[in-house]
C-alpha atoms as a PDB file:
ATOM      1  CA  UNK A   1      -6.452   9.747 -16.714  1.00  0.00           C
ATOM      2  CA  UNK A   2      -4.731   9.589 -13.346  1.00  0.00           C
ATOM      3  CA  UNK A   3      -5.929   8.107 -10.068  1.00  0.00           C
ATOM      4  CA  UNK A   4      -4.703   9.081  -6.641  1.00  0.00           C
ATOM      5  CA  UNK A   5      -5.587   9.582  -3.034  1.00  0.00           C
ATOM      6  CA  UNK A   6      -5.211  12.356  -0.522  1.00  0.00           C
ATOM      7  CA  UNK A   7      -5.276  12.432   3.236  1.00  0.00           C
ATOM      8  CA  UNK A   8      -8.435  14.034   4.595  1.00  0.00           C
ATOM      9  CA  UNK A   9     -10.762  14.219   7.583  1.00  0.00           C
ATOM     10  CA  UNK A  10     -12.904  11.268   6.515  1.00  0.00           C
ATOM     11  CA  UNK A  11     -13.873   8.208   8.566  1.00  0.00           C
ATOM     12  CA  UNK A  12     -12.629   4.753   7.604  1.00  0.00           C
ATOM     13  CA  UNK A  13     -16.147   3.412   8.158  1.00  0.00           C
ATOM     14  CA  UNK A  14     -17.703   5.197   5.184  1.00  0.00           C
ATOM     15  CA  UNK A  15     -17.144   4.934   1.423  1.00  0.00           C
ATOM     16  CA  UNK A  16     -14.231   7.063   0.253  1.00  0.00           C
ATOM     17  CA  UNK A  17     -15.392  10.284  -1.432  1.00  0.00           C
ATOM     18  CA  UNK A  18     -13.917  10.741  -4.911  1.00  0.00           C
ATOM     19  CA  UNK A  19     -13.443  14.035  -6.681  1.00  0.00           C
ATOM     20  CA  UNK A  20     -12.812  14.279 -10.386  1.00  0.00           C
ATOM     21  CA  UNK A  21     -11.432  17.200 -12.308  1.00  0.00           C
ATOM     22  CA  UNK A  22     -10.175  18.021 -15.773  1.00  0.00           C
ATOM     23  CA  UNK A  23      -8.593  20.972 -17.548  1.00  0.00           C
ATOM     24  CA  UNK A  24     -10.257  20.462 -20.947  1.00  0.00           C
ATOM     25  CA  UNK A  25     -13.623  22.290 -21.182  1.00  0.00           C
ATOM     26  CA  UNK A  26     -15.096  19.719 -23.591  1.00  0.00           C
ATOM     27  CA  UNK A  27     -14.136  16.852 -21.281  1.00  0.00           C
ATOM     28  CA  UNK A  28     -15.528  18.706 -18.273  1.00  0.00           C
ATOM     29  CA  UNK A  29     -18.838  19.137 -20.086  1.00  0.00           C
ATOM     30  CA  UNK A  30     -18.952  15.613 -21.523  1.00  0.00           C
ATOM     31  CA  UNK A  31     -18.195  13.842 -18.242  1.00  0.00           C
ATOM     32  CA  UNK A  32     -19.898  16.292 -15.880  1.00  0.00           C
ATOM     33  CA  UNK A  33     -16.668  17.112 -14.055  1.00  0.00           C
ATOM     34  CA  UNK A  34     -15.337  20.289 -12.547  1.00  0.00           C
ATOM     35  CA  UNK A  35     -12.415  22.394 -13.660  1.00  0.00           C
ATOM     36  CA  UNK A  36      -9.382  21.997 -11.465  1.00  0.00           C
ATOM     37  CA  UNK A  37      -8.717  25.273  -9.660  1.00  0.00           C
ATOM     38  CA  UNK A  38      -6.347  23.894  -7.072  1.00  0.00           C
ATOM     39  CA  UNK A  39      -3.400  26.138  -6.334  1.00  0.00           C
ATOM     40  CA  UNK A  40      -0.823  24.934  -3.904  1.00  0.00           C
ATOM     41  CA  UNK A  41       1.807  22.271  -3.393  1.00  0.00           C
ATOM     42  CA  UNK A  42       1.692  19.556  -5.996  1.00  0.00           C
ATOM     43  CA  UNK A  43       3.330  16.304  -6.904  1.00  0.00           C
ATOM     44  CA  UNK A  44       4.088  14.517 -10.124  1.00  0.00           C
ATOM     45  CA  UNK A  45       0.381  14.149 -10.978  1.00  0.00           C
ATOM     46  CA  UNK A  46      -0.108  17.909 -10.879  1.00  0.00           C
ATOM     47  CA  UNK A  47       2.988  18.426 -12.998  1.00  0.00           C
ATOM     48  CA  UNK A  48       1.753  15.844 -15.530  1.00  0.00           C
ATOM     49  CA  UNK A  49      -1.688  17.404 -15.808  1.00  0.00           C
ATOM     50  CA  UNK A  50      -0.192  20.860 -16.218  1.00  0.00           C
ATOM     51  CA  UNK A  51       2.056  19.535 -19.008  1.00  0.00           C
ATOM     52  CA  UNK A  52      -0.947  17.820 -20.622  1.00  0.00           C
ATOM     53  CA  UNK A  53      -2.912  21.072 -20.467  1.00  0.00           C
ATOM     54  CA  UNK A  54      -0.034  23.059 -21.979  1.00  0.00           C
ATOM     55  CA  UNK A  55       0.304  20.479 -24.777  1.00  0.00           C
ATOM     56  CA  UNK A  56      -3.441  20.480 -25.472  1.00  0.00           C
ATOM     57  CA  UNK A  57      -3.865  16.877 -24.293  1.00  0.00           C
ATOM     58  CA  UNK A  58      -7.152  16.347 -22.418  1.00  0.00           C
ATOM     59  CA  UNK A  59      -6.721  14.717 -19.015  1.00  0.00           C
ATOM     60  CA  UNK A  60      -8.828  13.727 -16.038  1.00  0.00           C
ATOM     61  CA  UNK A  61      -7.727  13.339 -12.438  1.00  0.00           C
ATOM     62  CA  UNK A  62      -9.608  11.238  -9.873  1.00  0.00           C
ATOM     63  CA  UNK A  63      -8.788  11.567  -6.184  1.00  0.00           C
ATOM     64  CA  UNK A  64     -10.137   9.479  -3.317  1.00  0.00           C
ATOM     65  CA  UNK A  65     -10.079  10.898   0.197  1.00  0.00           C
ATOM     66  CA  UNK A  66      -8.508   8.546   2.734  1.00  0.00           C
ATOM     67  CA  UNK A  67      -8.448   8.855   6.532  1.00  0.00           C
ATOM     68  CA  UNK A  68      -5.336  10.710   7.635  1.00  0.00           C
ATOM     69  CA  UNK A  69      -5.255   8.798  10.923  1.00  0.00           C
ATOM     70  CA  UNK A  70      -4.417   5.555   9.053  1.00  0.00           C
ATOM     71  CA  UNK A  71      -2.167   7.150   6.434  1.00  0.00           C
ATOM     72  CA  UNK A  72       0.401   4.359   6.349  1.00  0.00           C
ATOM     73  CA  UNK A  73      -2.145   1.657   5.517  1.00  0.00           C
ATOM     74  CA  UNK A  74      -3.309   1.128   1.933  1.00  0.00           C
ATOM     75  CA  UNK A  75      -7.047   1.767   1.647  1.00  0.00           C
ATOM     76  CA  UNK A  76      -9.025  -0.792  -0.333  1.00  0.00           C
ATOM     77  CA  UNK A  77     -12.060   1.460   0.174  1.00  0.00           C
ATOM     78  CA  UNK A  78     -10.313   4.215  -1.749  1.00  0.00           C
ATOM     79  CA  UNK A  79      -9.213   1.779  -4.475  1.00  0.00           C
ATOM     80  CA  UNK A  80     -12.790   0.503  -4.787  1.00  0.00           C
ATOM     81  CA  UNK A  81     -14.211   4.029  -4.946  1.00  0.00           C
ATOM     82  CA  UNK A  82     -11.694   5.022  -7.630  1.00  0.00           C
ATOM     83  CA  UNK A  83     -12.463   1.904  -9.708  1.00  0.00           C
ATOM     84  CA  UNK A  84     -16.190   2.535  -9.441  1.00  0.00           C
ATOM     85  CA  UNK A  85     -15.856   6.178 -10.465  1.00  0.00           C
ATOM     86  CA  UNK A  86     -13.513   5.273 -13.320  1.00  0.00           C
ATOM     87  CA  UNK A  87     -15.961   2.610 -14.527  1.00  0.00           C
ATOM     88  CA  UNK A  88     -18.774   5.157 -14.428  1.00  0.00           C
ATOM     89  CA  UNK A  89     -16.780   7.726 -16.411  1.00  0.00           C
ATOM     90  CA  UNK A  90     -15.649   5.201 -19.011  1.00  0.00           C
ATOM     91  CA  UNK A  91     -19.017   3.425 -19.103  1.00  0.00           C
ATOM     92  CA  UNK A  92     -17.456   0.012 -18.481  1.00  0.00           C
ATOM     93  CA  UNK A  93     -18.008  -2.692 -15.887  1.00  0.00           C
ATOM     94  CA  UNK A  94     -15.321  -3.303 -13.298  1.00  0.00           C
ATOM     95  CA  UNK A  95     -15.511  -6.222 -10.897  1.00  0.00           C
ATOM     96  CA  UNK A  96     -14.800  -4.770  -7.463  1.00  0.00           C
ATOM     97  CA  UNK A  97     -15.855  -7.833  -5.448  1.00  0.00           C
ATOM     98  CA  UNK A  98     -12.311  -8.508  -4.205  1.00  0.00           C
ATOM     99  CA  UNK A  99     -11.935  -4.863  -3.233  1.00  0.00           C
ATOM    100  CA  UNK A 100     -15.282  -5.076  -1.403  1.00  0.00           C
ATOM    101  CA  UNK A 101     -13.987  -8.018   0.661  1.00  0.00           C
ATOM    102  CA  UNK A 102     -10.707  -6.223   1.322  1.00  0.00           C
ATOM    103  CA  UNK A 103     -12.659  -3.059   2.274  1.00  0.00           C
ATOM    104  CA  UNK A 104     -14.659  -4.961   4.868  1.00  0.00           C
ATOM    105  CA  UNK A 105     -11.502  -6.499   6.351  1.00  0.00           C
ATOM    106  CA  UNK A 106      -9.805  -3.067   6.338  1.00  0.00           C
ATOM    107  CA  UNK A 107     -12.745  -1.466   8.145  1.00  0.00           C
ATOM    108  CA  UNK A 108     -12.783  -4.232  10.767  1.00  0.00           C
ATOM    109  CA  UNK A 109      -9.003  -4.055  11.379  1.00  0.00           C
ATOM    110  CA  UNK A 110      -8.898  -0.265  11.575  1.00  0.00           C
ATOM    111  CA  UNK A 111     -11.985  -0.212  13.831  1.00  0.00           C
ATOM    112  CA  UNK A 112     -10.268  -2.623  16.234  1.00  0.00           C
ATOM    113  CA  UNK A 113      -7.141  -0.452  16.290  1.00  0.00           C
ATOM    114  CA  UNK A 114      -9.134   2.770  16.740  1.00  0.00           C
ATOM    115  CA  UNK A 115     -11.106   1.242  19.622  1.00  0.00           C
ATOM    116  CA  UNK A 116      -7.876   0.907  21.625  1.00  0.00           C
ATOM    117  CA  UNK A 117      -7.352   4.691  21.664  1.00  0.00           C
ATOM    118  CA  UNK A 118     -10.122   6.695  23.316  1.00  0.00           C
ATOM    119  CA  UNK A 119      -9.138  10.001  21.707  1.00  0.00           C
ATOM    120  CA  UNK A 120      -8.991   8.564  18.195  1.00  0.00           C
ATOM    121  CA  UNK A 121     -12.281   6.717  18.729  1.00  0.00           C
ATOM    122  CA  UNK A 122     -13.976   9.994  19.737  1.00  0.00           C
ATOM    123  CA  UNK A 123     -12.475  11.702  16.693  1.00  0.00           C
ATOM    124  CA  UNK A 124     -13.745   8.976  14.360  1.00  0.00           C
ATOM    125  CA  UNK A 125     -17.212   9.299  15.938  1.00  0.00           C
ATOM    126  CA  UNK A 126     -17.127  13.010  15.107  1.00  0.00           C
ATOM    127  CA  UNK A 127     -16.047  12.298  11.525  1.00  0.00           C
ATOM    128  CA  UNK A 128     -18.882   9.775  11.163  1.00  0.00           C
ATOM    129  CA  UNK A 129     -21.394  12.345  12.405  1.00  0.00           C
ATOM    130  CA  UNK A 130     -20.097  14.865   9.863  1.00  0.00           C
ATOM    131  CA  UNK A 131     -20.180  12.262   7.080  1.00  0.00           C
ATOM    132  CA  UNK A 132     -23.754  11.323   7.991  1.00  0.00           C
ATOM    133  CA  UNK A 133     -24.780  14.978   7.908  1.00  0.00           C
ATOM    134  CA  UNK A 134     -23.257  15.347   4.454  1.00  0.00           C
ATOM    135  CA  UNK A 135     -25.062  12.184   3.325  1.00  0.00           C
ATOM    136  CA  UNK A 136     -28.326  13.548   4.713  1.00  0.00           C
ATOM    137  CA  UNK A 137     -27.798  16.750   2.736  1.00  0.00           C
ATOM    138  CA  UNK A 138     -26.826  14.653  -0.340  1.00  0.00           C
ATOM    139  CA  UNK A 139     -23.933  17.030  -0.800  1.00  0.00           C
ATOM    140  CA  UNK A 140     -20.387  15.762  -1.279  1.00  0.00           C
ATOM    141  CA  UNK A 141     -17.397  17.928  -0.454  1.00  0.00           C
ATOM    142  CA  UNK A 142     -15.868  19.611  -3.468  1.00  0.00           C
ATOM    143  CA  UNK A 143     -12.342  18.945  -4.609  1.00  0.00           C
ATOM    144  CA  UNK A 144     -11.472  22.425  -3.438  1.00  0.00           C
ATOM    145  CA  UNK A 145     -12.780  21.770   0.069  1.00  0.00           C
ATOM    146  CA  UNK A 146     -10.853  18.478   0.232  1.00  0.00           C
ATOM    147  CA  UNK A 147      -7.697  20.254  -0.944  1.00  0.00           C
ATOM    148  CA  UNK A 148      -8.253  23.014   1.623  1.00  0.00           C
ATOM    149  CA  UNK A 149      -8.769  20.387   4.333  1.00  0.00           C
ATOM    150  CA  UNK A 150      -5.556  18.654   3.290  1.00  0.00           C
ATOM    151  CA  UNK A 151      -3.663  21.957   3.323  1.00  0.00           C
ATOM    152  CA  UNK A 152      -5.041  22.727   6.789  1.00  0.00           C
ATOM    153  CA  UNK A 153      -4.037  19.271   8.049  1.00  0.00           C
ATOM    154  CA  UNK A 154      -0.500  19.601   6.665  1.00  0.00           C
ATOM    155  CA  UNK A 155      -0.115  23.122   8.121  1.00  0.00           C
ATOM    156  CA  UNK A 156      -1.229  21.914  11.550  1.00  0.00           C
ATOM    157  CA  UNK A 157       1.066  18.904  11.313  1.00  0.00           C
ATOM    158  CA  UNK A 158       4.004  21.181  10.432  1.00  0.00           C
ATOM    159  CA  UNK A 159       3.168  23.570  13.280  1.00  0.00           C
ATOM    160  CA  UNK A 160       3.126  20.636  15.726  1.00  0.00           C
ATOM    161  CA  UNK A 161       6.471  19.438  14.349  1.00  0.00           C
ATOM    162  CA  UNK A 162       5.112  15.991  13.449  1.00  0.00           C
ATOM    163  CA  UNK A 163       7.185  13.837  11.155  1.00  0.00           C
ATOM    164  CA  UNK A 164       5.899  13.730   7.579  1.00  0.00           C
ATOM    165  CA  UNK A 165       4.103  10.508   6.627  1.00  0.00           C
ATOM    166  CA  UNK A 166       6.260   7.803   5.082  1.00  0.00           C
ATOM    167  CA  UNK A 167       5.768   7.148   1.411  1.00  0.00           C
ATOM    168  CA  UNK A 168       6.066   3.859  -0.383  1.00  0.00           C
END
């Protein structure tokens, strides 16, 4: 089982959406997951899961969406969401109280920073409206839609000539 995050058009003020996928049909059925149908650029996690699939080793991948406009800041909200989803899948309890405190501090700090830039603040308002509409429809974005959104973001970033985000 691997855990990761991806940059997406999600607001920092809402819980991080988590998608889960697997390549093993029995695991997909047992855990109520979806088959991974992502085709595109990949990293070491994608390579690992492809090798697991080829070797007949069942694997699960959990991905939390994090706000692309704060891509250089670790997201305790994403870590909390991943821990909660992992706990649900494994049917174990995980104490996320420290992550909850860190999530609240993260939201406050990012909100203060966003408030200093009118354009970013308006963008976050739009993301919140979209997130609220999704919540009202009780429909979460699929892994495919998150991957498509990420691909779109990266294409636009490349077209603008922006520097790639730093990695740790």
